[in-house]
Amino acid sequence: MGFLDKVVKAATEAGGKVAETSKSVAKSTQIKIAISGLKSKREKIFREIGERAYMLFKEGKIEDSIIKTLAQEVDEINAEIEQKEAGLKES
């Protein structure tokens, strides 16, 4: 095999490896995007569960010390928001 044949063979093999690596990276990226989407959906559901638990607690339909503490924190934050919004209206 001549020098030129060796160069062509090496270039062909390198090109094949690049193509294989590109496919692997593309597949990995697709999987990561799918995982990210699933995590976003999960976070949305957790948020909805939390909001529902808060409303049920406020309605007296559930009693739980942890939810009570968290609900009190939410109430405090809501009060702060209202106070700051009132400040905006006054300015």
C-alpha atoms as a PDB file:
ATOM      1  CA  MET A   1       0.000   0.000   0.000  1.00  0.00           C
ATOM      2  CA  GLY A   2       1.406   3.337  -1.036  1.00  0.00           C
ATOM      3  CA  PHE A   3       1.666   6.460   1.025  1.00  0.00           C
ATOM      4  CA  LEU A   4      -1.325   8.078  -0.667  1.00  0.00           C
ATOM      5  CA  ASP A   5      -3.436   4.966  -0.046  1.00  0.00           C
ATOM      6  CA  LYS A   6      -2.539   5.116   3.635  1.00  0.00           C
ATOM      7  CA  VAL A   7      -3.523   8.785   3.818  1.00  0.00           C
ATOM      8  CA  VAL A   8      -6.864   8.107   2.121  1.00  0.00           C
ATOM      9  CA  LYS A   9      -7.528   5.136   4.408  1.00  0.00           C
ATOM     10  CA  ALA A  10      -6.686   7.182   7.529  1.00  0.00           C
ATOM     11  CA  ALA A  11      -8.905  10.053   6.385  1.00  0.00           C
ATOM     12  CA  THR A  12     -11.774   7.668   5.662  1.00  0.00           C
ATOM     13  CA  GLU A  13     -11.450   6.028   9.066  1.00  0.00           C
ATOM     14  CA  ALA A  14     -11.291   9.427  10.779  1.00  0.00           C
ATOM     15  CA  GLY A  15     -14.394  10.539   8.911  1.00  0.00           C
ATOM     16  CA  GLY A  16     -16.226   7.416  10.028  1.00  0.00           C
ATOM     17  CA  LYS A  17     -15.230   8.039  13.626  1.00  0.00           C
ATOM     18  CA  VAL A  18     -16.415  11.647  13.415  1.00  0.00           C
ATOM     19  CA  ALA A  19     -19.748  10.539  11.993  1.00  0.00           C
ATOM     20  CA  GLU A  20     -20.117   7.902  14.715  1.00  0.00           C
ATOM     21  CA  THR A  21     -19.270  10.442  17.429  1.00  0.00           C
ATOM     22  CA  SER A  22     -21.733  12.944  15.946  1.00  0.00           C
ATOM     23  CA  LYS A  23     -24.518  10.356  16.009  1.00  0.00           C
ATOM     24  CA  SER A  24     -23.692   9.505  19.621  1.00  0.00           C
ATOM     25  CA  VAL A  25     -23.711  13.163  20.651  1.00  0.00           C
ATOM     26  CA  ALA A  26     -27.007  13.771  18.828  1.00  0.00           C
ATOM     27  CA  LYS A  27     -28.633  10.776  20.514  1.00  0.00           C
ATOM     28  CA  SER A  28     -27.319  11.862  23.911  1.00  0.00           C
ATOM     29  CA  THR A  29     -28.625  15.383  23.343  1.00  0.00           C
ATOM     30  CA  GLN A  30     -32.076  14.074  22.394  1.00  0.00           C
ATOM     31  CA  ILE A  31     -32.194  11.977  25.567  1.00  0.00           C
ATOM     32  CA  LYS A  32     -31.124  14.953  27.700  1.00  0.00           C
ATOM     33  CA  ILE A  33     -33.845  17.121  26.120  1.00  0.00           C
ATOM     34  CA  ALA A  34     -36.440  14.418  26.809  1.00  0.00           C
ATOM     35  CA  ILE A  35     -35.286  14.125  30.427  1.00  0.00           C
ATOM     36  CA  SER A  36     -35.446  17.902  30.843  1.00  0.00           C
ATOM     37  CA  GLY A  37     -38.996  17.952  29.492  1.00  0.00           C
ATOM     38  CA  LEU A  38     -40.054  15.194  31.866  1.00  0.00           C
ATOM     39  CA  LYS A  39     -38.492  17.009  34.817  1.00  0.00           C
ATOM     40  CA  SER A  40     -40.381  20.174  33.870  1.00  0.00           C
ATOM     41  CA  LYS A  41     -43.653  18.245  33.744  1.00  0.00           C
ATOM     42  CA  ARG A  42     -42.868  16.714  37.134  1.00  0.00           C
ATOM     43  CA  GLU A  43     -42.124  20.130  38.649  1.00  0.00           C
ATOM     44  CA  LYS A  44     -45.423  21.469  37.303  1.00  0.00           C
ATOM     45  CA  ILE A  45     -47.304  18.568  38.903  1.00  0.00           C
ATOM     46  CA  PHE A  46     -45.484  19.052  42.212  1.00  0.00           C
ATOM     47  CA  ARG A  47     -46.397  22.746  42.113  1.00  0.00           C
ATOM     48  CA  GLU A  48     -50.047  21.856  41.468  1.00  0.00           C
ATOM     49  CA  ILE A  49     -49.997  19.326  44.320  1.00  0.00           C
ATOM     50  CA  GLY A  50     -48.549  21.981  46.623  1.00  0.00           C
ATOM     51  CA  GLU A  51     -51.120  24.570  45.630  1.00  0.00           C
ATOM     52  CA  ARG A  52     -53.917  22.042  46.134  1.00  0.00           C
ATOM     53  CA  ALA A  53     -52.534  20.999  49.544  1.00  0.00           C
ATOM     54  CA  TYR A  54     -52.357  24.672  50.547  1.00  0.00           C
ATOM     55  CA  MET A  55     -55.982  25.259  49.540  1.00  0.00           C
ATOM     56  CA  LEU A  56     -57.165  22.101  51.322  1.00  0.00           C
ATOM     57  CA  PHE A  57     -55.267  23.159  54.449  1.00  0.00           C
ATOM     58  CA  LYS A  58     -56.794  26.647  54.323  1.00  0.00           C
ATOM     59  CA  GLU A  59     -60.249  25.048  53.963  1.00  0.00           C
ATOM     60  CA  GLY A  60     -59.541  22.908  57.039  1.00  0.00           C
ATOM     61  CA  LYS A  61     -59.746  19.674  55.061  1.00  0.00           C
ATOM     62  CA  ILE A  62     -56.262  18.457  55.934  1.00  0.00           C
ATOM     63  CA  GLU A  63     -54.153  18.815  59.034  1.00  0.00           C
ATOM     64  CA  ASP A  64     -50.420  18.350  58.889  1.00  0.00           C
ATOM     65  CA  SER A  65     -47.758  20.141  60.895  1.00  0.00           C
ATOM     66  CA  ILE A  66     -45.369  20.471  57.960  1.00  0.00           C
ATOM     67  CA  ILE A  67     -48.087  21.799  55.653  1.00  0.00           C
ATOM     68  CA  LYS A  68     -49.168  24.160  58.425  1.00  0.00           C
ATOM     69  CA  THR A  69     -45.650  25.579  58.710  1.00  0.00           C
ATOM     70  CA  LEU A  70     -45.304  25.912  54.950  1.00  0.00           C
ATOM     71  CA  ALA A  71     -48.762  27.463  54.633  1.00  0.00           C
ATOM     72  CA  GLN A  72     -47.829  30.040  57.268  1.00  0.00           C
ATOM     73  CA  GLU A  73     -44.718  30.895  55.254  1.00  0.00           C
ATOM     74  CA  VAL A  74     -46.860  31.304  52.123  1.00  0.00           C
ATOM     75  CA  ASP A  75     -49.265  33.542  54.045  1.00  0.00           C
ATOM     76  CA  GLU A  76     -46.363  35.693  55.253  1.00  0.00           C
ATOM     77  CA  ILE A  77     -45.024  36.013  51.717  1.00  0.00           C
ATOM     78  CA  ASN A  78     -48.513  36.870  50.426  1.00  0.00           C
ATOM     79  CA  ALA A  79     -48.764  39.605  53.064  1.00  0.00           C
ATOM     80  CA  GLU A  80     -45.373  41.000  52.009  1.00  0.00           C
ATOM     81  CA  ILE A  81     -46.454  40.983  48.358  1.00  0.00           C
ATOM     82  CA  GLU A  82     -49.657  42.839  49.208  1.00  0.00           C
ATOM     83  CA  GLN A  83     -47.699  45.375  51.250  1.00  0.00           C
ATOM     84  CA  LYS A  84     -45.229  46.003  48.421  1.00  0.00           C
ATOM     85  CA  GLU A  85     -48.023  46.223  45.838  1.00  0.00           C
ATOM     86  CA  ALA A  86     -49.763  48.806  48.029  1.00  0.00           C
ATOM     87  CA  GLY A  87     -46.478  50.734  48.151  1.00  0.00           C
ATOM     88  CA  LEU A  88     -46.358  50.743  44.354  1.00  0.00           C
ATOM     89  CA  LYS A  89     -49.870  52.174  44.145  1.00  0.00           C
ATOM     90  CA  GLU A  90     -48.947  54.957  46.542  1.00  0.00           C
ATOM     91  CA  SER A  91     -45.899  56.011  44.537  1.00  0.00           C
END
